[in-house]
Amino acid sequence: MISLEIKKKLIEDLSNLPFDSQKKVQEFAHALLITQSRGKSGKEMVKFSGIMSNDDAGELKRIIESGCEKVDLNEW
C-alpha cells in the first residue's frame, strides 16, 4: 500500500515535470512493478543443479555476455 505522504510528494514532483519526463517516470515505475521478484528460492532450484553440460553452460554464458551486457545510453 502506498504511503499517503509519498503519494502526495510524488504527485507534486510529477506536476512540476514536463510531459516527456512524467512519461519516463511512469514507465520506470511500471518497469519496477513488472520486475518484482517472483522467482523461486535457491533451495527450490537446487534440483536443477548439474542438468546442463559445461559446454552448454559456457555457450549460454558467452551468448549472455555478448548480447545482454550492452548499455544503450540513449535509452532513457
PDB file of N, CA and C in Angstrom:
ATOM      1  N   MET A   1       0.839  -1.174   0.000  1.00  0.00           N
ATOM      2  CA  MET A   1       0.000   0.000   0.000  1.00  0.00           C
ATOM      3  C   MET A   1       0.889   1.244   0.000  1.00  0.00           C
ATOM      4  N   ILE A   2       0.520   2.213  -0.769  1.00  0.00           N
ATOM      5  CA  ILE A   2       1.330   3.432  -0.907  1.00  0.00           C
ATOM      6  C   ILE A   2       1.065   4.374   0.264  1.00  0.00           C
ATOM      7  N   SER A   3       2.155   4.919   0.783  1.00  0.00           N
ATOM      8  CA  SER A   3       2.053   5.902   1.849  1.00  0.00           C
ATOM      9  C   SER A   3       1.415   7.167   1.288  1.00  0.00           C
ATOM     10  N   LEU A   4       0.463   7.727   2.002  1.00  0.00           N
ATOM     11  CA  LEU A   4      -0.211   8.951   1.559  1.00  0.00           C
ATOM     12  C   LEU A   4       0.790  10.089   1.407  1.00  0.00           C
ATOM     13  N   GLU A   5       1.770  10.153   2.304  1.00  0.00           N
ATOM     14  CA  GLU A   5       2.794  11.188   2.242  1.00  0.00           C
ATOM     15  C   GLU A   5       3.636  11.060   0.965  1.00  0.00           C
ATOM     16  N   ILE A   6       4.048   9.838   0.652  1.00  0.00           N
ATOM     17  CA  ILE A   6       4.834   9.592  -0.563  1.00  0.00           C
ATOM     18  C   ILE A   6       4.004   9.906  -1.794  1.00  0.00           C
ATOM     19  N   LYS A   7       2.757   9.490  -1.796  1.00  0.00           N
ATOM     20  CA  LYS A   7       1.872   9.737  -2.937  1.00  0.00           C
ATOM     21  C   LYS A   7       1.718  11.238  -3.192  1.00  0.00           C
ATOM     22  N   LYS A   8       1.495  12.000  -2.148  1.00  0.00           N
ATOM     23  CA  LYS A   8       1.336  13.455  -2.298  1.00  0.00           C
ATOM     24  C   LYS A   8       2.604  14.089  -2.857  1.00  0.00           C
ATOM     25  N   LYS A   9       3.770  13.696  -2.319  1.00  0.00           N
ATOM     26  CA  LYS A   9       5.041  14.254  -2.770  1.00  0.00           C
ATOM     27  C   LYS A   9       5.316  13.854  -4.222  1.00  0.00           C
ATOM     28  N   LEU A  10       5.027  12.616  -4.566  1.00  0.00           N
ATOM     29  CA  LEU A  10       5.229  12.145  -5.926  1.00  0.00           C
ATOM     30  C   LEU A  10       4.360  12.915  -6.916  1.00  0.00           C
ATOM     31  N   ILE A  11       3.113  13.108  -6.577  1.00  0.00           N
ATOM     32  CA  ILE A  11       2.205  13.868  -7.444  1.00  0.00           C
ATOM     33  C   ILE A  11       2.688  15.304  -7.583  1.00  0.00           C
ATOM     34  N   GLU A  12       3.144  15.883  -6.479  1.00  0.00           N
ATOM     35  CA  GLU A  12       3.665  17.261  -6.521  1.00  0.00           C
ATOM     36  C   GLU A  12       4.893  17.344  -7.438  1.00  0.00           C
ATOM     37  N   ASP A  13       5.825  16.402  -7.254  1.00  0.00           N
ATOM     38  CA  ASP A  13       7.030  16.398  -8.089  1.00  0.00           C
ATOM     39  C   ASP A  13       6.692  16.168  -9.560  1.00  0.00           C
ATOM     40  N   LEU A  14       5.793  15.232  -9.831  1.00  0.00           N
ATOM     41  CA  LEU A  14       5.401  14.944 -11.212  1.00  0.00           C
ATOM     42  C   LEU A  14       4.756  16.150 -11.885  1.00  0.00           C
ATOM     43  N   SER A  15       3.978  16.887 -11.124  1.00  0.00           N
ATOM     44  CA  SER A  15       3.288  18.037 -11.711  1.00  0.00           C
ATOM     45  C   SER A  15       4.260  19.134 -12.134  1.00  0.00           C
ATOM     46  N   ASN A  16       5.480  19.106 -11.596  1.00  0.00           N
ATOM     47  CA  ASN A  16       6.487  20.104 -11.953  1.00  0.00           C
ATOM     48  C   ASN A  16       7.406  19.648 -13.083  1.00  0.00           C
ATOM     49  N   LEU A  17       7.173  18.447 -13.598  1.00  0.00           N
ATOM     50  CA  LEU A  17       7.986  17.932 -14.698  1.00  0.00           C
ATOM     51  C   LEU A  17       7.261  18.116 -16.024  1.00  0.00           C
ATOM     52  N   PRO A  18       8.027  18.244 -17.117  1.00  0.00           N
ATOM     53  CA  PRO A  18       7.379  18.268 -18.433  1.00  0.00           C
ATOM     54  C   PRO A  18       6.796  16.891 -18.752  1.00  0.00           C
ATOM     55  N   PHE A  19       5.875  16.865 -19.707  1.00  0.00           N
ATOM     56  CA  PHE A  19       5.158  15.636 -20.016  1.00  0.00           C
ATOM     57  C   PHE A  19       6.091  14.476 -20.332  1.00  0.00           C
ATOM     58  N   ASP A  20       7.124  14.705 -21.152  1.00  0.00           N
ATOM     59  CA  ASP A  20       8.006  13.599 -21.524  1.00  0.00           C
ATOM     60  C   ASP A  20       8.717  13.008 -20.309  1.00  0.00           C
ATOM     61  N   SER A  21       9.065  13.844 -19.345  1.00  0.00           N
ATOM     62  CA  SER A  21       9.679  13.347 -18.115  1.00  0.00           C
ATOM     63  C   SER A  21       8.654  12.613 -17.251  1.00  0.00           C
ATOM     64  N   GLN A  22       7.429  13.087 -17.223  1.00  0.00           N
ATOM     65  CA  GLN A  22       6.365  12.387 -16.492  1.00  0.00           C
ATOM     66  C   GLN A  22       6.180  10.990 -17.058  1.00  0.00           C
ATOM     67  N   LYS A  23       6.217  10.895 -18.383  1.00  0.00           N
ATOM     68  CA  LYS A  23       6.043   9.590 -19.051  1.00  0.00           C
ATOM     69  C   LYS A  23       7.185   8.652 -18.685  1.00  0.00           C
ATOM     70  N   LYS A  24       8.414   9.185 -18.624  1.00  0.00           N
ATOM     71  CA  LYS A  24       9.563   8.355 -18.247  1.00  0.00           C
ATOM     72  C   LYS A  24       9.424   7.839 -16.821  1.00  0.00           C
ATOM     73  N   VAL A  25       8.940   8.680 -15.919  1.00  0.00           N
ATOM     74  CA  VAL A  25       8.730   8.257 -14.536  1.00  0.00           C
ATOM     75  C   VAL A  25       7.692   7.140 -14.490  1.00  0.00           C
ATOM     76  N   GLN A  26       6.619   7.310 -15.245  1.00  0.00           N
ATOM     77  CA  GLN A  26       5.566   6.297 -15.281  1.00  0.00           C
ATOM     78  C   GLN A  26       6.104   4.980 -15.837  1.00  0.00           C
ATOM     79  N   GLU A  27       6.904   5.049 -16.897  1.00  0.00           N
ATOM     80  CA  GLU A  27       7.481   3.839 -17.489  1.00  0.00           C
ATOM     81  C   GLU A  27       8.454   3.166 -16.525  1.00  0.00           C
ATOM     82  N   PHE A  28       9.227   3.976 -15.810  1.00  0.00           N
ATOM     83  CA  PHE A  28      10.152   3.426 -14.827  1.00  0.00           C
ATOM     84  C   PHE A  28       9.399   2.725 -13.697  1.00  0.00           C
ATOM     85  N   ALA A  29       8.351   3.362 -13.198  1.00  0.00           N
ATOM     86  CA  ALA A  29       7.546   2.760 -12.128  1.00  0.00           C
ATOM     87  C   ALA A  29       6.937   1.442 -12.602  1.00  0.00           C
ATOM     88  N   HIS A  30       6.474   1.424 -13.841  1.00  0.00           N
ATOM     89  CA  HIS A  30       5.885   0.197 -14.394  1.00  0.00           C
ATOM     90  C   HIS A  30       6.958  -0.892 -14.517  1.00  0.00           C
ATOM     91  N   ALA A  31       8.157  -0.514 -14.964  1.00  0.00           N
ATOM     92  CA  ALA A  31       9.246  -1.489 -15.085  1.00  0.00           C
ATOM     93  C   ALA A  31       9.591  -2.082 -13.721  1.00  0.00           C
ATOM     94  N   LEU A  32       9.610  -1.240 -12.687  1.00  0.00           N
ATOM     95  CA  LEU A  32       9.860  -1.746 -11.335  1.00  0.00           C
ATOM     96  C   LEU A  32       8.787  -2.739 -10.914  1.00  0.00           C
ATOM     97  N   LEU A  33       7.562  -2.416 -11.252  1.00  0.00           N
ATOM     98  CA  LEU A  33       6.436  -3.271 -10.879  1.00  0.00           C
ATOM     99  C   LEU A  33       6.540  -4.654 -11.522  1.00  0.00           C
ATOM    100  N   ILE A  34       6.850  -4.684 -12.815  1.00  0.00           N
ATOM    101  CA  ILE A  34       6.850  -5.977 -13.508  1.00  0.00           C
ATOM    102  C   ILE A  34       8.108  -6.792 -13.245  1.00  0.00           C
ATOM    103  N   THR A  35       9.141  -6.167 -12.665  1.00  0.00           N
ATOM    104  CA  THR A  35      10.362  -6.920 -12.385  1.00  0.00           C
ATOM    105  C   THR A  35      10.482  -7.315 -10.915  1.00  0.00           C
ATOM    106  N   GLN A  36       9.422  -7.144 -10.166  1.00  0.00           N
ATOM    107  CA  GLN A  36       9.446  -7.564  -8.767  1.00  0.00           C
ATOM    108  C   GLN A  36       9.776  -9.048  -8.701  1.00  0.00           C
ATOM    109  N   SER A  37      10.553  -9.415  -7.718  1.00  0.00           N
ATOM    110  CA  SER A  37      10.979 -10.806  -7.572  1.00  0.00           C
ATOM    111  C   SER A  37       9.778 -11.716  -7.353  1.00  0.00           C
ATOM    112  N   ARG A  38       9.587 -12.592  -8.290  1.00  0.00           N
ATOM    113  CA  ARG A  38       8.519 -13.584  -8.170  1.00  0.00           C
ATOM    114  C   ARG A  38       9.087 -14.983  -8.378  1.00  0.00           C
ATOM    115  N   GLY A  39      10.396 -15.079  -8.271  1.00  0.00           N
ATOM    116  CA  GLY A  39      11.085 -16.327  -8.556  1.00  0.00           C
ATOM    117  C   GLY A  39      11.041 -17.307  -7.409  1.00  0.00           C
ATOM    118  N   LYS A  40      11.811 -18.344  -7.578  1.00  0.00           N
ATOM    119  CA  LYS A  40      11.899 -19.417  -6.586  1.00  0.00           C
ATOM    120  C   LYS A  40      13.155 -19.223  -5.741  1.00  0.00           C
ATOM    121  N   SER A  41      13.150 -19.779  -4.560  1.00  0.00           N
ATOM    122  CA  SER A  41      14.321 -19.715  -3.699  1.00  0.00           C
ATOM    123  C   SER A  41      15.395 -20.662  -4.226  1.00  0.00           C
ATOM    124  N   GLY A  42      16.624 -20.428  -3.783  1.00  0.00           N
ATOM    125  CA  GLY A  42      17.720 -21.319  -4.163  1.00  0.00           C
ATOM    126  C   GLY A  42      17.447 -22.752  -3.767  1.00  0.00           C
ATOM    127  N   LYS A  43      16.838 -22.947  -2.614  1.00  0.00           N
ATOM    128  CA  LYS A  43      16.526 -24.309  -2.157  1.00  0.00           C
ATOM    129  C   LYS A  43      15.582 -25.011  -3.129  1.00  0.00           C
ATOM    130  N   GLU A  44      14.666 -24.255  -3.707  1.00  0.00           N
ATOM    131  CA  GLU A  44      13.721 -24.844  -4.652  1.00  0.00           C
ATOM    132  C   GLU A  44      14.377 -25.124  -6.011  1.00  0.00           C
ATOM    133  N   MET A  45      15.427 -24.369  -6.340  1.00  0.00           N
ATOM    134  CA  MET A  45      16.065 -24.508  -7.643  1.00  0.00           C
ATOM    135  C   MET A  45      17.221 -25.502  -7.662  1.00  0.00           C
ATOM    136  N   VAL A  46      17.703 -25.931  -6.492  1.00  0.00           N
ATOM    137  CA  VAL A  46      18.864 -26.810  -6.429  1.00  0.00           C
ATOM    138  C   VAL A  46      18.626 -28.124  -7.177  1.00  0.00           C
ATOM    139  N   LYS A  47      17.393 -28.527  -7.332  1.00  0.00           N
ATOM    140  CA  LYS A  47      17.107 -29.784  -8.047  1.00  0.00           C
ATOM    141  C   LYS A  47      17.530 -29.722  -9.517  1.00  0.00           C
ATOM    142  N   PHE A  48      17.734 -28.503 -10.038  1.00  0.00           N
ATOM    143  CA  PHE A  48      18.151 -28.354 -11.434  1.00  0.00           C
ATOM    144  C   PHE A  48      19.675 -28.300 -11.580  1.00  0.00           C
ATOM    145  N   SER A  49      20.368 -28.318 -10.471  1.00  0.00           N
ATOM    146  CA  SER A  49      21.824 -28.251 -10.493  1.00  0.00           C
ATOM    147  C   SER A  49      22.404 -29.428 -11.259  1.00  0.00           C
ATOM    148  N   GLY A  50      23.307 -29.128 -12.191  1.00  0.00           N
ATOM    149  CA  GLY A  50      24.008 -30.182 -12.921  1.00  0.00           C
ATOM    150  C   GLY A  50      23.298 -30.715 -14.147  1.00  0.00           C
ATOM    151  N   ILE A  51      22.133 -30.183 -14.499  1.00  0.00           N
ATOM    152  CA  ILE A  51      21.425 -30.733 -15.660  1.00  0.00           C
ATOM    153  C   ILE A  51      21.944 -30.184 -16.983  1.00  0.00           C
ATOM    154  N   MET A  52      22.765 -29.137 -16.930  1.00  0.00           N
ATOM    155  CA  MET A  52      23.333 -28.558 -18.147  1.00  0.00           C
ATOM    156  C   MET A  52      24.816 -28.923 -18.204  1.00  0.00           C
ATOM    157  N   SER A  53      25.261 -29.324 -19.375  1.00  0.00           N
ATOM    158  CA  SER A  53      26.677 -29.665 -19.522  1.00  0.00           C
ATOM    159  C   SER A  53      27.533 -28.416 -19.418  1.00  0.00           C
ATOM    160  N   ASN A  54      28.810 -28.594 -19.119  1.00  0.00           N
ATOM    161  CA  ASN A  54      29.731 -27.462 -19.036  1.00  0.00           C
ATOM    162  C   ASN A  54      29.831 -26.738 -20.376  1.00  0.00           C
ATOM    163  N   ASP A  55      29.819 -27.494 -21.476  1.00  0.00           N
ATOM    164  CA  ASP A  55      29.889 -26.873 -22.801  1.00  0.00           C
ATOM    165  C   ASP A  55      28.662 -26.004 -23.061  1.00  0.00           C
ATOM    166  N   ASP A  56      27.478 -26.536 -22.739  1.00  0.00           N
ATOM    167  CA  ASP A  56      26.246 -25.766 -22.938  1.00  0.00           C
ATOM    168  C   ASP A  56      26.219 -24.532 -22.037  1.00  0.00           C
ATOM    169  N   ALA A  57      26.677 -24.691 -20.802  1.00  0.00           N
ATOM    170  CA  ALA A  57      26.711 -23.566 -19.872  1.00  0.00           C
ATOM    171  C   ALA A  57      27.675 -22.492 -20.366  1.00  0.00           C
ATOM    172  N   GLY A  58      28.820 -22.916 -20.892  1.00  0.00           N
ATOM    173  CA  GLY A  58      29.785 -21.959 -21.426  1.00  0.00           C
ATOM    174  C   GLY A  58      29.234 -21.212 -22.625  1.00  0.00           C
ATOM    175  N   GLU A  59      28.528 -21.930 -23.504  1.00  0.00           N
ATOM    176  CA  GLU A  59      27.923 -21.280 -24.667  1.00  0.00           C
ATOM    177  C   GLU A  59      26.859 -20.279 -24.235  1.00  0.00           C
ATOM    178  N   LEU A  60      26.023 -20.658 -23.299  1.00  0.00           N
ATOM    179  CA  LEU A  60      24.991 -19.757 -22.790  1.00  0.00           C
ATOM    180  C   LEU A  60      25.618 -18.513 -22.162  1.00  0.00           C
ATOM    181  N   LYS A  61      26.684 -18.704 -21.404  1.00  0.00           N
ATOM    182  CA  LYS A  61      27.383 -17.575 -20.787  1.00  0.00           C
ATOM    183  C   LYS A  61      27.933 -16.632 -21.851  1.00  0.00           C
ATOM    184  N   ARG A  62      28.531 -17.180 -22.906  1.00  0.00           N
ATOM    185  CA  ARG A  62      29.073 -16.342 -23.989  1.00  0.00           C
ATOM    186  C   ARG A  62      27.959 -15.560 -24.678  1.00  0.00           C
ATOM    187  N   ILE A  63      26.831 -16.197 -24.913  1.00  0.00           N
ATOM    188  CA  ILE A  63      25.691 -15.531 -25.559  1.00  0.00           C
ATOM    189  C   ILE A  63      25.197 -14.374 -24.696  1.00  0.00           C
ATOM    190  N   ILE A  64      25.055 -14.619 -23.410  1.00  0.00           N
ATOM    191  CA  ILE A  64      24.581 -13.574 -22.491  1.00  0.00           C
ATOM    192  C   ILE A  64      25.568 -12.420 -22.445  1.00  0.00           C
ATOM    193  N   GLU A  65      26.842 -12.729 -22.320  1.00  0.00           N
ATOM    194  CA  GLU A  65      27.853 -11.677 -22.229  1.00  0.00           C
ATOM    195  C   GLU A  65      27.943 -10.853 -23.507  1.00  0.00           C
ATOM    196  N   SER A  66      27.749 -11.483 -24.655  1.00  0.00           N
ATOM    197  CA  SER A  66      27.876 -10.745 -25.913  1.00  0.00           C
ATOM    198  C   SER A  66      26.621  -9.955 -26.255  1.00  0.00           C
ATOM    199  N   GLY A  67      25.462 -10.395 -25.783  1.00  0.00           N
ATOM    200  CA  GLY A  67      24.228  -9.731 -26.176  1.00  0.00           C
ATOM    201  C   GLY A  67      23.467  -9.017 -25.091  1.00  0.00           C
ATOM    202  N   CYS A  68      23.759  -9.310 -23.844  1.00  0.00           N
ATOM    203  CA  CYS A  68      22.936  -8.770 -22.758  1.00  0.00           C
ATOM    204  C   CYS A  68      23.649  -7.759 -21.878  1.00  0.00           C
ATOM    205  N   GLU A  69      24.926  -7.549 -22.079  1.00  0.00           N
ATOM    206  CA  GLU A  69      25.647  -6.638 -21.212  1.00  0.00           C
ATOM    207  C   GLU A  69      25.960  -5.323 -21.900  1.00  0.00           C
ATOM    208  N   LYS A  70      25.131  -4.956 -22.859  1.00  0.00           N
ATOM    209  CA  LYS A  70      25.330  -3.710 -23.568  1.00  0.00           C
ATOM    210  C   LYS A  70      24.415  -2.651 -22.973  1.00  0.00           C
ATOM    211  N   VAL A  71      24.936  -1.456 -22.837  1.00  0.00           N
ATOM    212  CA  VAL A  71      24.169  -0.347 -22.283  1.00  0.00           C
ATOM    213  C   VAL A  71      23.874   0.652 -23.395  1.00  0.00           C
ATOM    214  N   ASP A  72      22.605   0.978 -23.571  1.00  0.00           N
ATOM    215  CA  ASP A  72      22.197   1.984 -24.534  1.00  0.00           C
ATOM    216  C   ASP A  72      22.020   3.299 -23.779  1.00  0.00           C
ATOM    217  N   LEU A  73      23.009   4.177 -23.896  1.00  0.00           N
ATOM    218  CA  LEU A  73      22.987   5.421 -23.133  1.00  0.00           C
ATOM    219  C   LEU A  73      21.853   6.338 -23.551  1.00  0.00           C
ATOM    220  N   ASN A  74      21.279   6.131 -24.726  1.00  0.00           N
ATOM    221  CA  ASN A  74      20.185   6.964 -25.206  1.00  0.00           C
ATOM    222  C   ASN A  74      18.812   6.368 -24.919  1.00  0.00           C
ATOM    223  N   GLU A  75      18.796   5.238 -24.220  1.00  0.00           N
ATOM    224  CA  GLU A  75      17.523   4.568 -23.954  1.00  0.00           C
ATOM    225  C   GLU A  75      16.586   5.432 -23.129  1.00  0.00           C
ATOM    226  N   TRP A  76      17.081   6.142 -22.147  1.00  0.00           N
ATOM    227  CA  TRP A  76      16.241   6.983 -21.303  1.00  0.00           C
ATOM    228  C   TRP A  76      16.506   8.394 -21.677  1.00  0.00           C
TER     229      TRP A  76
END
